[in-house]
Amino acid sequence: MPAEPAPKEPLWRDVVGDVLRRERLAQERTLKDVADAARISMPYLSELERGRKEASSEVLAAAAHALGLGLADLLARAHHQLVRPARPLRSRTAPRSTEAQSRFGDVRLAA
């Protein structure tokens, strides 16, 4: 039986757009209000929210500030949305020593 294909990774622009839209709606603000405050066009903000455009860091910062967020806040929220609990990896080889295993517990690095 073939293995299931891995789920598609979301695009960064989709995740950032979703964060912008959720924050705007949580504040009960219109596209026009936020676009005006950010000094970007309303259609462009709409395209950002829908993940249709890749925004520059300057535009992202302006949109974030218009929502009362810093650029770091926006990026942290997007990052949080992307991070999934790491699933345990099966080791192909046995641990080198029980001393190493006991020192580090069940710590694993994921790429």
PDB file of N, CA and C in Angstrom:
ATOM      1  N   MET A   1       0.833  -1.181   0.000  1.00  0.00           N
ATOM      2  CA  MET A   1       0.000   0.000   0.000  1.00  0.00           C
ATOM      3  C   MET A   1       0.884   1.253   0.000  1.00  0.00           C
ATOM      4  N   PRO A   2       0.701   2.179  -0.920  1.00  0.00           N
ATOM      5  CA  PRO A   2       1.542   3.371  -0.957  1.00  0.00           C
ATOM      6  C   PRO A   2       1.277   4.263   0.253  1.00  0.00           C
ATOM      7  N   ALA A   3       2.333   4.908   0.709  1.00  0.00           N
ATOM      8  CA  ALA A   3       2.201   5.830   1.838  1.00  0.00           C
ATOM      9  C   ALA A   3       1.409   7.057   1.408  1.00  0.00           C
ATOM     10  N   GLU A   4       0.702   7.621   2.369  1.00  0.00           N
ATOM     11  CA  GLU A   4      -0.058   8.843   2.083  1.00  0.00           C
ATOM     12  C   GLU A   4       0.908   9.979   1.802  1.00  0.00           C
ATOM     13  N   PRO A   5       0.598  10.822   0.831  1.00  0.00           N
ATOM     14  CA  PRO A   5       1.481  11.962   0.582  1.00  0.00           C
ATOM     15  C   PRO A   5       1.432  12.909   1.779  1.00  0.00           C
ATOM     16  N   ALA A   6       2.558  13.530   2.046  1.00  0.00           N
ATOM     17  CA  ALA A   6       2.625  14.491   3.147  1.00  0.00           C
ATOM     18  C   ALA A   6       1.715  15.667   2.834  1.00  0.00           C
ATOM     19  N   PRO A   7       1.064  16.224   3.862  1.00  0.00           N
ATOM     20  CA  PRO A   7       0.215  17.387   3.596  1.00  0.00           C
ATOM     21  C   PRO A   7       1.059  18.546   3.074  1.00  0.00           C
ATOM     22  N   LYS A   8       0.458  19.344   2.205  1.00  0.00           N
ATOM     23  CA  LYS A   8       1.170  20.489   1.631  1.00  0.00           C
ATOM     24  C   LYS A   8       1.481  21.500   2.727  1.00  0.00           C
ATOM     25  N   GLU A   9       2.677  22.024   2.664  1.00  0.00           N
ATOM     26  CA  GLU A   9       3.059  23.090   3.586  1.00  0.00           C
ATOM     27  C   GLU A   9       2.347  24.370   3.153  1.00  0.00           C
ATOM     28  N   PRO A  10       1.838  25.139   4.104  1.00  0.00           N
ATOM     29  CA  PRO A  10       1.187  26.394   3.717  1.00  0.00           C
ATOM     30  C   PRO A  10       2.224  27.401   3.225  1.00  0.00           C
ATOM     31  N   LEU A  11       1.804  28.264   2.348  1.00  0.00           N
ATOM     32  CA  LEU A  11       2.681  29.330   1.869  1.00  0.00           C
ATOM     33  C   LEU A  11       2.747  30.423   2.928  1.00  0.00           C
ATOM     34  N   TRP A  12       3.921  31.030   3.061  1.00  0.00           N
ATOM     35  CA  TRP A  12       4.117  32.098   4.046  1.00  0.00           C
ATOM     36  C   TRP A  12       3.111  33.228   3.826  1.00  0.00           C
ATOM     37  N   ARG A  13       2.886  33.597   2.570  1.00  0.00           N
ATOM     38  CA  ARG A  13       1.963  34.703   2.298  1.00  0.00           C
ATOM     39  C   ARG A  13       0.540  34.365   2.734  1.00  0.00           C
ATOM     40  N   ASP A  14       0.144  33.098   2.639  1.00  0.00           N
ATOM     41  CA  ASP A  14      -1.187  32.694   3.105  1.00  0.00           C
ATOM     42  C   ASP A  14      -1.292  32.811   4.620  1.00  0.00           C
ATOM     43  N   VAL A  15      -0.246  32.392   5.303  1.00  0.00           N
ATOM     44  CA  VAL A  15      -0.251  32.426   6.770  1.00  0.00           C
ATOM     45  C   VAL A  15      -0.261  33.869   7.265  1.00  0.00           C
ATOM     46  N   VAL A  16       0.599  34.704   6.705  1.00  0.00           N
ATOM     47  CA  VAL A  16       0.656  36.110   7.117  1.00  0.00           C
ATOM     48  C   VAL A  16      -0.664  36.805   6.800  1.00  0.00           C
ATOM     49  N   GLY A  17      -1.213  36.546   5.638  1.00  0.00           N
ATOM     50  CA  GLY A  17      -2.503  37.137   5.272  1.00  0.00           C
ATOM     51  C   GLY A  17      -3.604  36.732   6.228  1.00  0.00           C
ATOM     52  N   ASP A  18      -3.595  35.471   6.631  1.00  0.00           N
ATOM     53  CA  ASP A  18      -4.594  34.989   7.579  1.00  0.00           C
ATOM     54  C   ASP A  18      -4.453  35.692   8.926  1.00  0.00           C
ATOM     55  N   VAL A  19      -3.222  35.894   9.372  1.00  0.00           N
ATOM     56  CA  VAL A  19      -2.986  36.599  10.639  1.00  0.00           C
ATOM     57  C   VAL A  19      -3.500  38.035  10.535  1.00  0.00           C
ATOM     58  N   LEU A  20      -3.196  38.708   9.433  1.00  0.00           N
ATOM     59  CA  LEU A  20      -3.671  40.088   9.256  1.00  0.00           C
ATOM     60  C   LEU A  20      -5.198  40.150   9.274  1.00  0.00           C
ATOM     61  N   ARG A  21      -5.820  39.261   8.538  1.00  0.00           N
ATOM     62  CA  ARG A  21      -7.285  39.265   8.463  1.00  0.00           C
ATOM     63  C   ARG A  21      -7.916  38.960   9.822  1.00  0.00           C
ATOM     64  N   ARG A  22      -7.413  37.935  10.520  1.00  0.00           N
ATOM     65  CA  ARG A  22      -7.985  37.588  11.826  1.00  0.00           C
ATOM     66  C   ARG A  22      -7.848  38.736  12.810  1.00  0.00           C
ATOM     67  N   GLU A  23      -6.703  39.414  12.794  1.00  0.00           N
ATOM     68  CA  GLU A  23      -6.502  40.539  13.710  1.00  0.00           C
ATOM     69  C   GLU A  23      -7.425  41.698  13.352  1.00  0.00           C
ATOM     70  N   ARG A  24      -7.558  41.976  12.064  1.00  0.00           N
ATOM     71  CA  ARG A  24      -8.453  43.069  11.645  1.00  0.00           C
ATOM     72  C   ARG A  24      -9.889  42.780  12.049  1.00  0.00           C
ATOM     73  N   LEU A  25     -10.338  41.559  11.818  1.00  0.00           N
ATOM     74  CA  LEU A  25     -11.712  41.193  12.176  1.00  0.00           C
ATOM     75  C   LEU A  25     -11.912  41.171  13.689  1.00  0.00           C
ATOM     76  N   ALA A  26     -10.898  40.750  14.432  1.00  0.00           N
ATOM     77  CA  ALA A  26     -10.991  40.746  15.899  1.00  0.00           C
ATOM     78  C   ALA A  26     -11.157  42.171  16.427  1.00  0.00           C
ATOM     79  N   GLN A  27     -10.578  43.130  15.713  1.00  0.00           N
ATOM     80  CA  GLN A  27     -10.700  44.540  16.099  1.00  0.00           C
ATOM     81  C   GLN A  27     -11.953  45.188  15.511  1.00  0.00           C
ATOM     82  N   GLU A  28     -12.714  44.402  14.754  1.00  0.00           N
ATOM     83  CA  GLU A  28     -13.934  44.888  14.091  1.00  0.00           C
ATOM     84  C   GLU A  28     -13.657  46.124  13.240  1.00  0.00           C
ATOM     85  N   ARG A  29     -12.574  46.034  12.458  1.00  0.00           N
ATOM     86  CA  ARG A  29     -12.195  47.137  11.585  1.00  0.00           C
ATOM     87  C   ARG A  29     -12.395  46.734  10.138  1.00  0.00           C
ATOM     88  N   THR A  30     -12.601  47.730   9.299  1.00  0.00           N
ATOM     89  CA  THR A  30     -12.808  47.481   7.873  1.00  0.00           C
ATOM     90  C   THR A  30     -11.464  47.463   7.143  1.00  0.00           C
ATOM     91  N   LEU A  31     -11.493  46.880   5.952  1.00  0.00           N
ATOM     92  CA  LEU A  31     -10.310  46.922   5.094  1.00  0.00           C
ATOM     93  C   LEU A  31      -9.891  48.365   4.841  1.00  0.00           C
ATOM     94  N   LYS A  32     -10.866  49.219   4.559  1.00  0.00           N
ATOM     95  CA  LYS A  32     -10.574  50.622   4.261  1.00  0.00           C
ATOM     96  C   LYS A  32      -9.882  51.305   5.428  1.00  0.00           C
ATOM     97  N   ASP A  33     -10.388  51.082   6.632  1.00  0.00           N
ATOM     98  CA  ASP A  33      -9.808  51.703   7.822  1.00  0.00           C
ATOM     99  C   ASP A  33      -8.343  51.295   7.997  1.00  0.00           C
ATOM    100  N   VAL A  34      -8.070  50.007   7.912  1.00  0.00           N
ATOM    101  CA  VAL A  34      -6.703  49.520   8.117  1.00  0.00           C
ATOM    102  C   VAL A  34      -5.802  49.935   6.953  1.00  0.00           C
ATOM    103  N   ALA A  35      -6.303  49.852   5.736  1.00  0.00           N
ATOM    104  CA  ALA A  35      -5.511  50.258   4.569  1.00  0.00           C
ATOM    105  C   ALA A  35      -5.145  51.739   4.656  1.00  0.00           C
ATOM    106  N   ASP A  36      -6.104  52.569   5.036  1.00  0.00           N
ATOM    107  CA  ASP A  36      -5.820  54.002   5.183  1.00  0.00           C
ATOM    108  C   ASP A  36      -4.766  54.238   6.261  1.00  0.00           C
ATOM    109  N   ALA A  37      -4.903  53.553   7.389  1.00  0.00           N
ATOM    110  CA  ALA A  37      -3.941  53.721   8.483  1.00  0.00           C
ATOM    111  C   ALA A  37      -2.548  53.235   8.078  1.00  0.00           C
ATOM    112  N   ALA A  38      -2.492  52.207   7.248  1.00  0.00           N
ATOM    113  CA  ALA A  38      -1.209  51.657   6.798  1.00  0.00           C
ATOM    114  C   ALA A  38      -0.658  52.391   5.581  1.00  0.00           C
ATOM    115  N   ARG A  39      -1.487  53.250   4.979  1.00  0.00           N
ATOM    116  CA  ARG A  39      -1.121  53.986   3.768  1.00  0.00           C
ATOM    117  C   ARG A  39      -0.831  53.051   2.596  1.00  0.00           C
ATOM    118  N   ILE A  40      -1.684  52.030   2.478  1.00  0.00           N
ATOM    119  CA  ILE A  40      -1.644  51.138   1.319  1.00  0.00           C
ATOM    120  C   ILE A  40      -3.054  51.087   0.746  1.00  0.00           C
ATOM    121  N   SER A  41      -3.181  50.664  -0.487  1.00  0.00           N
ATOM    122  CA  SER A  41      -4.513  50.646  -1.089  1.00  0.00           C
ATOM    123  C   SER A  41      -5.355  49.516  -0.497  1.00  0.00           C
ATOM    124  N   MET A  42      -6.648  49.749  -0.474  1.00  0.00           N
ATOM    125  CA  MET A  42      -7.574  48.746   0.039  1.00  0.00           C
ATOM    126  C   MET A  42      -7.513  47.452  -0.784  1.00  0.00           C
ATOM    127  N   PRO A  43      -7.495  47.520  -2.127  1.00  0.00           N
ATOM    128  CA  PRO A  43      -7.380  46.270  -2.896  1.00  0.00           C
ATOM    129  C   PRO A  43      -6.082  45.510  -2.602  1.00  0.00           C
ATOM    130  N   TYR A  44      -4.991  46.246  -2.383  1.00  0.00           N
ATOM    131  CA  TYR A  44      -3.722  45.581  -2.088  1.00  0.00           C
ATOM    132  C   TYR A  44      -3.792  44.879  -0.734  1.00  0.00           C
ATOM    133  N   LEU A  45      -4.359  45.525   0.277  1.00  0.00           N
ATOM    134  CA  LEU A  45      -4.513  44.888   1.586  1.00  0.00           C
ATOM    135  C   LEU A  45      -5.390  43.650   1.469  1.00  0.00           C
ATOM    136  N   SER A  46      -6.438  43.740   0.684  1.00  0.00           N
ATOM    137  CA  SER A  46      -7.311  42.583   0.471  1.00  0.00           C
ATOM    138  C   SER A  46      -6.529  41.429  -0.150  1.00  0.00           C
ATOM    139  N   GLU A  47      -5.693  41.741  -1.131  1.00  0.00           N
ATOM    140  CA  GLU A  47      -4.884  40.697  -1.767  1.00  0.00           C
ATOM    141  C   GLU A  47      -3.872  40.102  -0.794  1.00  0.00           C
ATOM    142  N   LEU A  48      -3.321  40.939   0.090  1.00  0.00           N
ATOM    143  CA  LEU A  48      -2.406  40.427   1.114  1.00  0.00           C
ATOM    144  C   LEU A  48      -3.129  39.457   2.038  1.00  0.00           C
ATOM    145  N   GLU A  49      -4.304  39.857   2.498  1.00  0.00           N
ATOM    146  CA  GLU A  49      -5.074  39.016   3.417  1.00  0.00           C
ATOM    147  C   GLU A  49      -5.462  37.679   2.784  1.00  0.00           C
ATOM    148  N   ARG A  50      -5.682  37.679   1.484  1.00  0.00           N
ATOM    149  CA  ARG A  50      -6.077  36.446   0.790  1.00  0.00           C
ATOM    150  C   ARG A  50      -4.874  35.633   0.311  1.00  0.00           C
ATOM    151  N   GLY A  51      -3.663  36.115   0.615  1.00  0.00           N
ATOM    152  CA  GLY A  51      -2.463  35.386   0.226  1.00  0.00           C
ATOM    153  C   GLY A  51      -2.149  35.470  -1.249  1.00  0.00           C
ATOM    154  N   ARG A  52      -2.661  36.490  -1.914  1.00  0.00           N
ATOM    155  CA  ARG A  52      -2.439  36.637  -3.354  1.00  0.00           C
ATOM    156  C   ARG A  52      -1.160  37.411  -3.684  1.00  0.00           C
ATOM    157  N   LYS A  53      -0.659  38.180  -2.711  1.00  0.00           N
ATOM    158  CA  LYS A  53       0.535  39.004  -2.938  1.00  0.00           C
ATOM    159  C   LYS A  53       1.582  38.712  -1.879  1.00  0.00           C
ATOM    160  N   GLU A  54       2.844  38.804  -2.295  1.00  0.00           N
ATOM    161  CA  GLU A  54       3.989  38.728  -1.384  1.00  0.00           C
ATOM    162  C   GLU A  54       4.343  40.168  -1.020  1.00  0.00           C
ATOM    163  N   ALA A  55       4.187  40.521   0.233  1.00  0.00           N
ATOM    164  CA  ALA A  55       4.436  41.893   0.658  1.00  0.00           C
ATOM    165  C   ALA A  55       5.886  42.088   1.075  1.00  0.00           C
ATOM    166  N   SER A  56       6.376  43.307   0.868  1.00  0.00           N
ATOM    167  CA  SER A  56       7.709  43.660   1.359  1.00  0.00           C
ATOM    168  C   SER A  56       7.645  43.803   2.877  1.00  0.00           C
ATOM    169  N   SER A  57       8.802  43.809   3.511  1.00  0.00           N
ATOM    170  CA  SER A  57       8.829  43.978   4.966  1.00  0.00           C
ATOM    171  C   SER A  57       8.271  45.343   5.362  1.00  0.00           C
ATOM    172  N   GLU A  58       8.458  46.350   4.512  1.00  0.00           N
ATOM    173  CA  GLU A  58       7.930  47.682   4.815  1.00  0.00           C
ATOM    174  C   GLU A  58       6.405  47.678   4.823  1.00  0.00           C
ATOM    175  N   VAL A  59       5.807  47.005   3.850  1.00  0.00           N
ATOM    176  CA  VAL A  59       4.345  46.937   3.776  1.00  0.00           C
ATOM    177  C   VAL A  59       3.801  46.112   4.939  1.00  0.00           C
ATOM    178  N   LEU A  60       4.461  44.995   5.253  1.00  0.00           N
ATOM    179  CA  LEU A  60       4.012  44.183   6.386  1.00  0.00           C
ATOM    180  C   LEU A  60       4.091  44.971   7.687  1.00  0.00           C
ATOM    181  N   ALA A  61       5.172  45.728   7.857  1.00  0.00           N
ATOM    182  CA  ALA A  61       5.312  46.546   9.064  1.00  0.00           C
ATOM    183  C   ALA A  61       4.215  47.600   9.125  1.00  0.00           C
ATOM    184  N   ALA A  62       3.909  48.235   8.001  1.00  0.00           N
ATOM    185  CA  ALA A  62       2.857  49.256   7.973  1.00  0.00           C
ATOM    186  C   ALA A  62       1.500  48.649   8.311  1.00  0.00           C
ATOM    187  N   ALA A  63       1.193  47.487   7.751  1.00  0.00           N
ATOM    188  CA  ALA A  63      -0.085  46.822   8.043  1.00  0.00           C
ATOM    189  C   ALA A  63      -0.143  46.395   9.502  1.00  0.00           C
ATOM    190  N   ALA A  64       0.963  45.868  10.004  1.00  0.00           N
ATOM    191  CA  ALA A  64       1.007  45.455  11.411  1.00  0.00           C
ATOM    192  C   ALA A  64       0.795  46.656  12.325  1.00  0.00           C
ATOM    193  N   HIS A  65       1.510  47.753  12.058  1.00  0.00           N
ATOM    194  CA  HIS A  65       1.370  48.949  12.895  1.00  0.00           C
ATOM    195  C   HIS A  65      -0.038  49.516  12.829  1.00  0.00           C
ATOM    196  N   ALA A  66      -0.667  49.445  11.670  1.00  0.00           N
ATOM    197  CA  ALA A  66      -2.049  49.924  11.540  1.00  0.00           C
ATOM    198  C   ALA A  66      -2.988  49.115  12.431  1.00  0.00           C
ATOM    199  N   LEU A  67      -2.596  47.883  12.734  1.00  0.00           N
ATOM    200  CA  LEU A  67      -3.402  47.017  13.604  1.00  0.00           C
ATOM    201  C   LEU A  67      -2.924  47.056  15.054  1.00  0.00           C
ATOM    202  N   GLY A  68      -1.963  47.938  15.335  1.00  0.00           N
ATOM    203  CA  GLY A  68      -1.455  48.046  16.699  1.00  0.00           C
ATOM    204  C   GLY A  68      -0.446  46.968  17.060  1.00  0.00           C
ATOM    205  N   LEU A  69       0.136  46.345  16.051  1.00  0.00           N
ATOM    206  CA  LEU A  69       1.137  45.301  16.266  1.00  0.00           C
ATOM    207  C   LEU A  69       2.484  45.774  15.749  1.00  0.00           C
ATOM    208  N   GLY A  70       3.535  45.209  16.269  1.00  0.00           N
ATOM    209  CA  GLY A  70       4.854  45.412  15.692  1.00  0.00           C
ATOM    210  C   GLY A  70       5.070  44.355  14.617  1.00  0.00           C
ATOM    211  N   LEU A  71       6.061  44.568  13.784  1.00  0.00           N
ATOM    212  CA  LEU A  71       6.379  43.577  12.762  1.00  0.00           C
ATOM    213  C   LEU A  71       6.731  42.244  13.420  1.00  0.00           C
ATOM    214  N   ALA A  72       7.475  42.303  14.527  1.00  0.00           N
ATOM    215  CA  ALA A  72       7.846  41.070  15.234  1.00  0.00           C
ATOM    216  C   ALA A  72       6.609  40.329  15.738  1.00  0.00           C
ATOM    217  N   ASP A  73       5.596  41.072  16.203  1.00  0.00           N
ATOM    218  CA  ASP A  73       4.352  40.435  16.667  1.00  0.00           C
ATOM    219  C   ASP A  73       3.667  39.697  15.522  1.00  0.00           C
ATOM    220  N   LEU A  74       3.589  40.358  14.381  1.00  0.00           N
ATOM    221  CA  LEU A  74       2.955  39.751  13.209  1.00  0.00           C
ATOM    222  C   LEU A  74       3.691  38.473  12.802  1.00  0.00           C
ATOM    223  N   LEU A  75       5.010  38.555  12.740  1.00  0.00           N
ATOM    224  CA  LEU A  75       5.801  37.400  12.333  1.00  0.00           C
ATOM    225  C   LEU A  75       5.729  36.281  13.367  1.00  0.00           C
ATOM    226  N   ALA A  76       5.699  36.639  14.652  1.00  0.00           N
ATOM    227  CA  ALA A  76       5.590  35.620  15.704  1.00  0.00           C
ATOM    228  C   ALA A  76       4.253  34.894  15.614  1.00  0.00           C
ATOM    229  N   ARG A  77       3.194  35.624  15.341  1.00  0.00           N
ATOM    230  CA  ARG A  77       1.874  34.989  15.206  1.00  0.00           C
ATOM    231  C   ARG A  77       1.836  34.072  13.990  1.00  0.00           C
ATOM    232  N   ALA A  78       2.453  34.516  12.907  1.00  0.00           N
ATOM    233  CA  ALA A  78       2.505  33.666  11.712  1.00  0.00           C
ATOM    234  C   ALA A  78       3.345  32.422  11.989  1.00  0.00           C
ATOM    235  N   HIS A  79       4.453  32.606  12.667  1.00  0.00           N
ATOM    236  CA  HIS A  79       5.315  31.472  13.014  1.00  0.00           C
ATOM    237  C   HIS A  79       4.559  30.484  13.889  1.00  0.00           C
ATOM    238  N   HIS A  80       3.843  30.994  14.873  1.00  0.00           N
ATOM    239  CA  HIS A  80       3.074  30.131  15.777  1.00  0.00           C
ATOM    240  C   HIS A  80       2.066  29.292  14.993  1.00  0.00           C
ATOM    241  N   GLN A  81       1.490  29.871  13.983  1.00  0.00           N
ATOM    242  CA  GLN A  81       0.519  29.152  13.159  1.00  0.00           C
ATOM    243  C   GLN A  81       1.194  28.043  12.341  1.00  0.00           C
ATOM    244  N   LEU A  82       2.445  28.255  11.974  1.00  0.00           N
ATOM    245  CA  LEU A  82       3.169  27.270  11.164  1.00  0.00           C
ATOM    246  C   LEU A  82       3.722  26.105  11.979  1.00  0.00           C
ATOM    247  N   VAL A  83       4.055  26.376  13.237  1.00  0.00           N
ATOM    248  CA  VAL A  83       4.700  25.358  14.064  1.00  0.00           C
ATOM    249  C   VAL A  83       3.684  24.305  14.463  1.00  0.00           C
ATOM    250  N   ARG A  84       4.072  23.064  14.230  1.00  0.00           N
ATOM    251  CA  ARG A  84       3.228  21.937  14.618  1.00  0.00           C
ATOM    252  C   ARG A  84       3.998  21.123  15.642  1.00  0.00           C
ATOM    253  N   PRO A  85       3.281  20.414  16.500  1.00  0.00           N
ATOM    254  CA  PRO A  85       4.003  19.540  17.435  1.00  0.00           C
ATOM    255  C   PRO A  85       4.850  18.543  16.646  1.00  0.00           C
ATOM    256  N   ALA A  86       6.085  18.413  17.045  1.00  0.00           N
ATOM    257  CA  ALA A  86       6.973  17.474  16.347  1.00  0.00           C
ATOM    258  C   ALA A  86       6.558  16.052  16.674  1.00  0.00           C
ATOM    259  N   ARG A  87       6.473  15.232  15.652  1.00  0.00           N
ATOM    260  CA  ARG A  87       6.133  13.837  15.903  1.00  0.00           C
ATOM    261  C   ARG A  87       7.426  13.082  16.171  1.00  0.00           C
ATOM    262  N   PRO A  88       7.370  12.091  17.033  1.00  0.00           N
ATOM    263  CA  PRO A  88       8.592  11.349  17.355  1.00  0.00           C
ATOM    264  C   PRO A  88       9.190  10.710  16.105  1.00  0.00           C
ATOM    265  N   LEU A  89      10.478  10.774  16.005  1.00  0.00           N
ATOM    266  CA  LEU A  89      11.186  10.168  14.890  1.00  0.00           C
ATOM    267  C   LEU A  89      11.737   8.826  15.337  1.00  0.00           C
ATOM    268  N   ARG A  90      11.690   7.853  14.468  1.00  0.00           N
ATOM    269  CA  ARG A  90      12.282   6.555  14.781  1.00  0.00           C
ATOM    270  C   ARG A  90      13.759   6.602  14.440  1.00  0.00           C
ATOM    271  N   SER A  91      14.543   6.177  15.373  1.00  0.00           N
ATOM    272  CA  SER A  91      15.980   6.132  15.156  1.00  0.00           C
ATOM    273  C   SER A  91      16.319   4.931  14.284  1.00  0.00           C
ATOM    274  N   ARG A  92      17.185   5.126  13.323  1.00  0.00           N
ATOM    275  CA  ARG A  92      17.608   4.021  12.461  1.00  0.00           C
ATOM    276  C   ARG A  92      18.672   3.170  13.147  1.00  0.00           C
ATOM    277  N   THR A  93      19.383   3.781  14.083  1.00  0.00           N
ATOM    278  CA  THR A  93      20.416   3.043  14.800  1.00  0.00           C
ATOM    279  C   THR A  93      20.149   3.139  16.286  1.00  0.00           C
ATOM    280  N   ALA A  94      20.710   2.215  17.024  1.00  0.00           N
ATOM    281  CA  ALA A  94      20.556   2.230  18.476  1.00  0.00           C
ATOM    282  C   ALA A  94      21.383   3.372  19.046  1.00  0.00           C
ATOM    283  N   PRO A  95      20.982   3.896  20.218  1.00  0.00           N
ATOM    284  CA  PRO A  95      21.785   4.951  20.845  1.00  0.00           C
ATOM    285  C   PRO A  95      23.200   4.445  21.105  1.00  0.00           C
ATOM    286  N   ARG A  96      24.161   5.351  21.032  1.00  0.00           N
ATOM    287  CA  ARG A  96      25.564   4.958  21.201  1.00  0.00           C
ATOM    288  C   ARG A  96      25.848   4.470  22.612  1.00  0.00           C
ATOM    289  N   SER A  97      25.249   5.125  23.579  1.00  0.00           N
ATOM    290  CA  SER A  97      25.460   4.675  24.951  1.00  0.00           C
ATOM    291  C   SER A  97      24.268   5.060  25.789  1.00  0.00           C
ATOM    292  N   THR A  98      24.084   4.330  26.882  1.00  0.00           N
ATOM    293  CA  THR A  98      22.981   4.682  27.778  1.00  0.00           C
ATOM    294  C   THR A  98      23.304   5.961  28.517  1.00  0.00           C
ATOM    295  N   GLU A  99      24.604   6.281  28.664  1.00  0.00           N
ATOM    296  CA  GLU A  99      24.994   7.519  29.328  1.00  0.00           C
ATOM    297  C   GLU A  99      24.499   8.725  28.530  1.00  0.00           C
ATOM    298  N   ALA A 100      24.690   8.699  27.218  1.00  0.00           N
ATOM    299  CA  ALA A 100      24.223   9.796  26.368  1.00  0.00           C
ATOM    300  C   ALA A 100      22.711   9.895  26.419  1.00  0.00           C
ATOM    301  N   GLN A 101      22.044   8.739  26.442  1.00  0.00           N
ATOM    302  CA  GLN A 101      20.588   8.754  26.482  1.00  0.00           C
ATOM    303  C   GLN A 101      20.097   9.338  27.797  1.00  0.00           C
ATOM    304  N   SER A 102      20.701   8.984  28.914  1.00  0.00           N
ATOM    305  CA  SER A 102      20.231   9.478  30.199  1.00  0.00           C
ATOM    306  C   SER A 102      20.569  10.952  30.389  1.00  0.00           C
ATOM    307  N   ARG A 103      21.697  11.411  29.831  1.00  0.00           N
ATOM    308  CA  ARG A 103      22.056  12.818  29.965  1.00  0.00           C
ATOM    309  C   ARG A 103      21.088  13.723  29.227  1.00  0.00           C
ATOM    310  N   PHE A 104      20.622  13.288  28.080  1.00  0.00           N
ATOM    311  CA  PHE A 104      19.784  14.136  27.250  1.00  0.00           C
ATOM    312  C   PHE A 104      18.330  13.716  27.243  1.00  0.00           C
ATOM    313  N   GLY A 105      17.983  12.671  27.953  1.00  0.00           N
ATOM    314  CA  GLY A 105      16.594  12.236  28.001  1.00  0.00           C
ATOM    315  C   GLY A 105      16.107  11.855  26.623  1.00  0.00           C
ATOM    316  N   ASP A 106      14.923  12.295  26.292  1.00  0.00           N
ATOM    317  CA  ASP A 106      14.314  11.952  25.011  1.00  0.00           C
ATOM    318  C   ASP A 106      14.359  13.152  24.064  1.00  0.00           C
ATOM    319  N   VAL A 107      15.440  13.937  24.132  1.00  0.00           N
ATOM    320  CA  VAL A 107      15.579  15.130  23.305  1.00  0.00           C
ATOM    321  C   VAL A 107      15.949  14.712  21.891  1.00  0.00           C
ATOM    322  N   ARG A 108      15.248  15.302  20.921  1.00  0.00           N
ATOM    323  CA  ARG A 108      15.518  15.022  19.508  1.00  0.00           C
ATOM    324  C   ARG A 108      15.575  16.330  18.742  1.00  0.00           C
ATOM    325  N   LEU A 109      16.406  16.361  17.751  1.00  0.00           N
ATOM    326  CA  LEU A 109      16.471  17.513  16.863  1.00  0.00           C
ATOM    327  C   LEU A 109      15.708  17.180  15.601  1.00  0.00           C
ATOM    328  N   ALA A 110      14.962  18.149  15.115  1.00  0.00           N
ATOM    329  CA  ALA A 110      14.210  17.956  13.873  1.00  0.00           C
ATOM    330  C   ALA A 110      14.724  18.943  12.846  1.00  0.00           C
ATOM    331  N   ALA A 111      14.805  18.502  11.617  1.00  0.00           N
ATOM    332  CA  ALA A 111      15.267  19.385  10.540  1.00  0.00           C
ATOM    333  C   ALA A 111      14.088  20.029   9.882  1.00  0.00           C
TER     334      ALA A 111
END
